[in-house]
């Protein structure tokens, strides 16, 4: 983890914060998607997937 933080030019604490945020965002999106699927709201589920894609794109651009 330390090598990754150094490679990104950030502190270990900041790296953990970023990774935690990403993990929680993914979990939240997946949970909401599964709830929408269970309720049969396909359109809303697809919106959530698109949002997740945007989050992944933004995180990957750091």
PDB file of N, CA and C in Angstrom:
ATOM      1  N   UNK A   1       0.826  -1.185   0.000  1.00  0.00           N
ATOM      2  CA  UNK A   1       0.000   0.000   0.000  1.00  0.00           C
ATOM      3  C   UNK A   1       0.877   1.258   0.000  1.00  0.00           C
ATOM      4  N   UNK A   2       1.978   1.155   0.733  1.00  0.00           N
ATOM      5  CA  UNK A   2       2.866   2.308   0.801  1.00  0.00           C
ATOM      6  C   UNK A   2       3.443   2.630  -0.583  1.00  0.00           C
ATOM      7  N   UNK A   3       3.830   1.604  -1.332  1.00  0.00           N
ATOM      8  CA  UNK A   3       4.377   1.810  -2.678  1.00  0.00           C
ATOM      9  C   UNK A   3       3.335   2.443  -3.598  1.00  0.00           C
ATOM     10  N   UNK A   4       2.084   2.021  -3.470  1.00  0.00           N
ATOM     11  CA  UNK A   4       1.013   2.600  -4.280  1.00  0.00           C
ATOM     12  C   UNK A   4       0.817   4.077  -3.933  1.00  0.00           C
ATOM     13  N   UNK A   5       0.828   4.391  -2.650  1.00  0.00           N
ATOM     14  CA  UNK A   5       0.682   5.784  -2.220  1.00  0.00           C
ATOM     15  C   UNK A   5       1.814   6.632  -2.779  1.00  0.00           C
ATOM     16  N   UNK A   6       3.025   6.126  -2.693  1.00  0.00           N
ATOM     17  CA  UNK A   6       4.181   6.854  -3.223  1.00  0.00           C
ATOM     18  C   UNK A   6       4.028   7.041  -4.733  1.00  0.00           C
ATOM     19  N   UNK A   7       3.629   5.984  -5.419  1.00  0.00           N
ATOM     20  CA  UNK A   7       3.460   6.065  -6.875  1.00  0.00           C
ATOM     21  C   UNK A   7       2.405   7.095  -7.274  1.00  0.00           C
ATOM     22  N   UNK A   8       1.392   7.255  -6.438  1.00  0.00           N
ATOM     23  CA  UNK A   8       0.330   8.229  -6.709  1.00  0.00           C
ATOM     24  C   UNK A   8       0.677   9.619  -6.187  1.00  0.00           C
ATOM     25  N   UNK A   9       1.759   9.716  -5.455  1.00  0.00           N
ATOM     26  CA  UNK A   9       2.153  11.007  -4.908  1.00  0.00           C
ATOM     27  C   UNK A   9       1.236  11.479  -3.795  1.00  0.00           C
ATOM     28  N   UNK A  10       0.776  10.549  -2.980  1.00  0.00           N
ATOM     29  CA  UNK A  10      -0.154  10.885  -1.910  1.00  0.00           C
ATOM     30  C   UNK A  10       0.280  10.171  -0.631  1.00  0.00           C
ATOM     31  N   UNK A  11      -0.330  10.557   0.465  1.00  0.00           N
ATOM     32  CA  UNK A  11      -0.014   9.901   1.732  1.00  0.00           C
ATOM     33  C   UNK A  11      -0.775   8.584   1.836  1.00  0.00           C
ATOM     34  N   UNK A  12      -0.293   7.734   2.714  1.00  0.00           N
ATOM     35  CA  UNK A  12      -0.960   6.457   2.953  1.00  0.00           C
ATOM     36  C   UNK A  12      -2.377   6.687   3.484  1.00  0.00           C
ATOM     37  N   UNK A  13      -2.539   7.670   4.381  1.00  0.00           N
ATOM     38  CA  UNK A  13      -3.873   7.978   4.913  1.00  0.00           C
ATOM     39  C   UNK A  13      -4.823   8.426   3.811  1.00  0.00           C
ATOM     40  N   UNK A  14      -4.345   9.283   2.919  1.00  0.00           N
ATOM     41  CA  UNK A  14      -5.186   9.766   1.820  1.00  0.00           C
ATOM     42  C   UNK A  14      -5.551   8.620   0.885  1.00  0.00           C
ATOM     43  N   UNK A  15      -4.611   7.728   0.629  1.00  0.00           N
ATOM     44  CA  UNK A  15      -4.883   6.571  -0.222  1.00  0.00           C
ATOM     45  C   UNK A  15      -5.974   5.706   0.394  1.00  0.00           C
ATOM     46  N   UNK A  16      -5.867   5.423   1.690  1.00  0.00           N
ATOM     47  CA  UNK A  16      -6.904   4.634   2.365  1.00  0.00           C
ATOM     48  C   UNK A  16      -8.256   5.339   2.300  1.00  0.00           C
ATOM     49  N   UNK A  17      -8.252   6.640   2.468  1.00  0.00           N
ATOM     50  CA  UNK A  17      -9.492   7.409   2.378  1.00  0.00           C
ATOM     51  C   UNK A  17     -10.109   7.274   0.992  1.00  0.00           C
ATOM     52  N   UNK A  18      -9.291   7.415  -0.045  1.00  0.00           N
ATOM     53  CA  UNK A  18      -9.783   7.307  -1.418  1.00  0.00           C
ATOM     54  C   UNK A  18     -10.326   5.914  -1.713  1.00  0.00           C
ATOM     55  N   UNK A  19      -9.572   4.891  -1.294  1.00  0.00           N
ATOM     56  CA  UNK A  19     -10.011   3.520  -1.551  1.00  0.00           C
ATOM     57  C   UNK A  19     -11.274   3.179  -0.766  1.00  0.00           C
ATOM     58  N   UNK A  20     -11.372   3.684   0.458  1.00  0.00           N
ATOM     59  CA  UNK A  20     -12.578   3.457   1.258  1.00  0.00           C
ATOM     60  C   UNK A  20     -13.782   4.118   0.619  1.00  0.00           C
ATOM     61  N   UNK A  21     -13.606   5.332   0.149  1.00  0.00           N
ATOM     62  CA  UNK A  21     -14.694   6.052  -0.519  1.00  0.00           C
ATOM     63  C   UNK A  21     -15.152   5.289  -1.752  1.00  0.00           C
ATOM     64  N   UNK A  22     -14.206   4.818  -2.528  1.00  0.00           N
ATOM     65  CA  UNK A  22     -14.537   4.055  -3.735  1.00  0.00           C
ATOM     66  C   UNK A  22     -15.301   2.786  -3.378  1.00  0.00           C
ATOM     67  N   UNK A  23     -14.831   2.056  -2.386  1.00  0.00           N
ATOM     68  CA  UNK A  23     -15.477   0.813  -1.990  1.00  0.00           C
ATOM     69  C   UNK A  23     -16.899   1.057  -1.490  1.00  0.00           C
ATOM     70  N   UNK A  24     -17.074   2.102  -0.679  1.00  0.00           N
ATOM     71  CA  UNK A  24     -18.415   2.410  -0.171  1.00  0.00           C
ATOM     72  C   UNK A  24     -19.351   2.863  -1.281  1.00  0.00           C
ATOM     73  N   UNK A  25     -18.834   3.628  -2.227  1.00  0.00           N
ATOM     74  CA  UNK A  25     -19.641   4.079  -3.356  1.00  0.00           C
ATOM     75  C   UNK A  25     -20.100   2.892  -4.190  1.00  0.00           C
ATOM     76  N   UNK A  26     -19.188   1.980  -4.457  1.00  0.00           N
ATOM     77  CA  UNK A  26     -19.544   0.788  -5.225  1.00  0.00           C
ATOM     78  C   UNK A  26     -20.574  -0.056  -4.487  1.00  0.00           C
ATOM     79  N   UNK A  27     -20.360  -0.239  -3.196  1.00  0.00           N
ATOM     80  CA  UNK A  27     -21.301  -1.026  -2.402  1.00  0.00           C
ATOM     81  C   UNK A  27     -22.684  -0.385  -2.402  1.00  0.00           C
ATOM     82  N   UNK A  28     -22.724   0.924  -2.212  1.00  0.00           N
ATOM     83  CA  UNK A  28     -23.997   1.641  -2.199  1.00  0.00           C
ATOM     84  C   UNK A  28     -24.704   1.505  -3.545  1.00  0.00           C
ATOM     85  N   UNK A  29     -23.976   1.684  -4.630  1.00  0.00           N
ATOM     86  CA  UNK A  29     -24.582   1.587  -5.962  1.00  0.00           C
ATOM     87  C   UNK A  29     -25.088   0.175  -6.229  1.00  0.00           C
ATOM     88  N   UNK A  30     -24.289  -0.818  -5.875  1.00  0.00           N
ATOM     89  CA  UNK A  30     -24.712  -2.200  -6.095  1.00  0.00           C
ATOM     90  C   UNK A  30     -25.949  -2.530  -5.268  1.00  0.00           C
ATOM     91  N   UNK A  31     -25.966  -2.076  -4.011  1.00  0.00           N
ATOM     92  CA  UNK A  31     -27.113  -2.331  -3.140  1.00  0.00           C
ATOM     93  C   UNK A  31     -28.373  -1.684  -3.705  1.00  0.00           C
ATOM     94  N   UNK A  32     -28.260  -0.424  -4.126  1.00  0.00           N
ATOM     95  CA  UNK A  32     -29.427   0.253  -4.706  1.00  0.00           C
ATOM     96  C   UNK A  32     -29.871  -0.425  -5.991  1.00  0.00           C
ATOM     97  N   UNK A  33     -28.912  -0.861  -6.807  1.00  0.00           N
ATOM     98  CA  UNK A  33     -29.243  -1.549  -8.049  1.00  0.00           C
ATOM     99  C   UNK A  33     -30.013  -2.840  -7.752  1.00  0.00           C
ATOM    100  N   UNK A  34     -29.513  -3.612  -6.792  1.00  0.00           N
ATOM    101  CA  UNK A  34     -30.190  -4.871  -6.457  1.00  0.00           C
ATOM    102  C   UNK A  34     -31.606  -4.624  -5.921  1.00  0.00           C
ATOM    103  N   UNK A  35     -31.783  -3.575  -5.150  1.00  0.00           N
ATOM    104  CA  UNK A  35     -33.122  -3.238  -4.656  1.00  0.00           C
ATOM    105  C   UNK A  35     -34.051  -2.859  -5.802  1.00  0.00           C
ATOM    106  N   UNK A  36     -33.521  -2.092  -6.767  1.00  0.00           N
ATOM    107  CA  UNK A  36     -34.327  -1.708  -7.924  1.00  0.00           C
ATOM    108  C   UNK A  36     -34.691  -2.920  -8.769  1.00  0.00           C
ATOM    109  N   UNK A  37     -33.742  -3.836  -8.931  1.00  0.00           N
ATOM    110  CA  UNK A  37     -34.013  -5.050  -9.695  1.00  0.00           C
ATOM    111  C   UNK A  37     -35.127  -5.835  -9.010  1.00  0.00           C
ATOM    112  N   UNK A  38     -35.042  -5.948  -7.703  1.00  0.00           N
ATOM    113  CA  UNK A  38     -36.050  -6.687  -6.950  1.00  0.00           C
ATOM    114  C   UNK A  38     -37.431  -6.045  -7.083  1.00  0.00           C
ATOM    115  N   UNK A  39     -37.458  -4.721  -7.208  1.00  0.00           N
ATOM    116  CA  UNK A  39     -38.755  -4.043  -7.329  1.00  0.00           C
ATOM    117  C   UNK A  39     -39.218  -3.955  -8.779  1.00  0.00           C
ATOM    118  N   UNK A  40     -38.343  -4.368  -9.706  1.00  0.00           N
ATOM    119  CA  UNK A  40     -38.728  -4.381 -11.105  1.00  0.00           C
ATOM    120  C   UNK A  40     -38.560  -3.052 -11.813  1.00  0.00           C
ATOM    121  N   UNK A  41     -37.857  -2.097 -11.224  1.00  0.00           N
ATOM    122  CA  UNK A  41     -37.656  -0.785 -11.840  1.00  0.00           C
ATOM    123  C   UNK A  41     -36.380  -0.820 -12.698  1.00  0.00           C
ATOM    124  N   UNK A  42     -36.498  -1.373 -13.875  1.00  0.00           N
ATOM    125  CA  UNK A  42     -35.342  -1.576 -14.754  1.00  0.00           C
ATOM    126  C   UNK A  42     -34.687  -0.252 -15.148  1.00  0.00           C
ATOM    127  N   UNK A  43     -35.470   0.745 -15.484  1.00  0.00           N
ATOM    128  CA  UNK A  43     -34.925   2.032 -15.920  1.00  0.00           C
ATOM    129  C   UNK A  43     -34.069   2.659 -14.824  1.00  0.00           C
ATOM    130  N   UNK A  44     -34.541   2.639 -13.597  1.00  0.00           N
ATOM    131  CA  UNK A  44     -33.777   3.216 -12.500  1.00  0.00           C
ATOM    132  C   UNK A  44     -32.503   2.407 -12.244  1.00  0.00           C
ATOM    133  N   UNK A  45     -32.594   1.095 -12.369  1.00  0.00           N
ATOM    134  CA  UNK A  45     -31.415   0.255 -12.206  1.00  0.00           C
ATOM    135  C   UNK A  45     -30.345   0.592 -13.224  1.00  0.00           C
ATOM    136  N   UNK A  46     -30.748   0.832 -14.467  1.00  0.00           N
ATOM    137  CA  UNK A  46     -29.794   1.209 -15.508  1.00  0.00           C
ATOM    138  C   UNK A  46     -29.185   2.585 -15.224  1.00  0.00           C
ATOM    139  N   UNK A  47     -29.968   3.506 -14.690  1.00  0.00           N
ATOM    140  CA  UNK A  47     -29.437   4.820 -14.309  1.00  0.00           C
ATOM    141  C   UNK A  47     -28.340   4.669 -13.250  1.00  0.00           C
ATOM    142  N   UNK A  48     -28.574   3.789 -12.297  1.00  0.00           N
ATOM    143  CA  UNK A  48     -27.593   3.574 -11.238  1.00  0.00           C
ATOM    144  C   UNK A  48     -26.312   2.977 -11.816  1.00  0.00           C
ATOM    145  N   UNK A  49     -26.443   2.043 -12.742  1.00  0.00           N
ATOM    146  CA  UNK A  49     -25.256   1.465 -13.377  1.00  0.00           C
ATOM    147  C   UNK A  49     -24.466   2.534 -14.130  1.00  0.00           C
ATOM    148  N   UNK A  50     -25.162   3.429 -14.807  1.00  0.00           N
ATOM    149  CA  UNK A  50     -24.478   4.510 -15.522  1.00  0.00           C
ATOM    150  C   UNK A  50     -23.737   5.416 -14.536  1.00  0.00           C
ATOM    151  N   UNK A  51     -24.360   5.687 -13.396  1.00  0.00           N
ATOM    152  CA  UNK A  51     -23.705   6.506 -12.376  1.00  0.00           C
ATOM    153  C   UNK A  51     -22.446   5.809 -11.866  1.00  0.00           C
ATOM    154  N   UNK A  52     -22.543   4.501 -11.648  1.00  0.00           N
ATOM    155  CA  UNK A  52     -21.382   3.741 -11.193  1.00  0.00           C
ATOM    156  C   UNK A  52     -20.260   3.811 -12.221  1.00  0.00           C
ATOM    157  N   UNK A  53     -20.597   3.712 -13.493  1.00  0.00           N
ATOM    158  CA  UNK A  53     -19.591   3.838 -14.548  1.00  0.00           C
ATOM    159  C   UNK A  53     -18.905   5.192 -14.487  1.00  0.00           C
ATOM    160  N   UNK A  54     -19.673   6.260 -14.251  1.00  0.00           N
ATOM    161  CA  UNK A  54     -19.094   7.597 -14.158  1.00  0.00           C
ATOM    162  C   UNK A  54     -18.136   7.697 -12.971  1.00  0.00           C
ATOM    163  N   UNK A  55     -18.531   7.105 -11.850  1.00  0.00           N
ATOM    164  CA  UNK A  55     -17.686   7.135 -10.660  1.00  0.00           C
ATOM    165  C   UNK A  55     -16.374   6.412 -10.934  1.00  0.00           C
ATOM    166  N   UNK A  56     -16.458   5.269 -11.581  1.00  0.00           N
ATOM    167  CA  UNK A  56     -15.234   4.528 -11.929  1.00  0.00           C
ATOM    168  C   UNK A  56     -14.350   5.337 -12.858  1.00  0.00           C
ATOM    169  N   UNK A  57     -14.946   6.016 -13.807  1.00  0.00           N
ATOM    170  CA  UNK A  57     -14.170   6.828 -14.742  1.00  0.00           C
ATOM    171  C   UNK A  57     -13.470   7.974 -14.018  1.00  0.00           C
ATOM    172  N   UNK A  58     -14.180   8.636 -13.124  1.00  0.00           N
ATOM    173  CA  UNK A  58     -13.609   9.750 -12.372  1.00  0.00           C
ATOM    174  C   UNK A  58     -12.488   9.281 -11.462  1.00  0.00           C
ATOM    175  N   UNK A  59     -12.665   8.157 -10.796  1.00  0.00           N
ATOM    176  CA  UNK A  59     -11.637   7.656  -9.882  1.00  0.00           C
ATOM    177  C   UNK A  59     -10.403   7.243 -10.652  1.00  0.00           C
ATOM    178  N   UNK A  60     -10.597   6.669 -11.826  1.00  0.00           N
ATOM    179  CA  UNK A  60      -9.477   6.208 -12.633  1.00  0.00           C
ATOM    180  C   UNK A  60      -8.670   7.326 -13.244  1.00  0.00           C
ATOM    181  N   UNK A  61      -9.204   8.540 -13.248  1.00  0.00           N
ATOM    182  CA  UNK A  61      -8.502   9.655 -13.878  1.00  0.00           C
ATOM    183  C   UNK A  61      -7.536  10.361 -12.936  1.00  0.00           C
ATOM    184  N   UNK A  62      -7.465   9.915 -11.657  1.00  0.00           N
ATOM    185  CA  UNK A  62      -6.570  10.540 -10.675  1.00  0.00           C
ATOM    186  C   UNK A  62      -5.127  10.304 -11.006  1.00  0.00           C
TER     187      UNK A  62
END
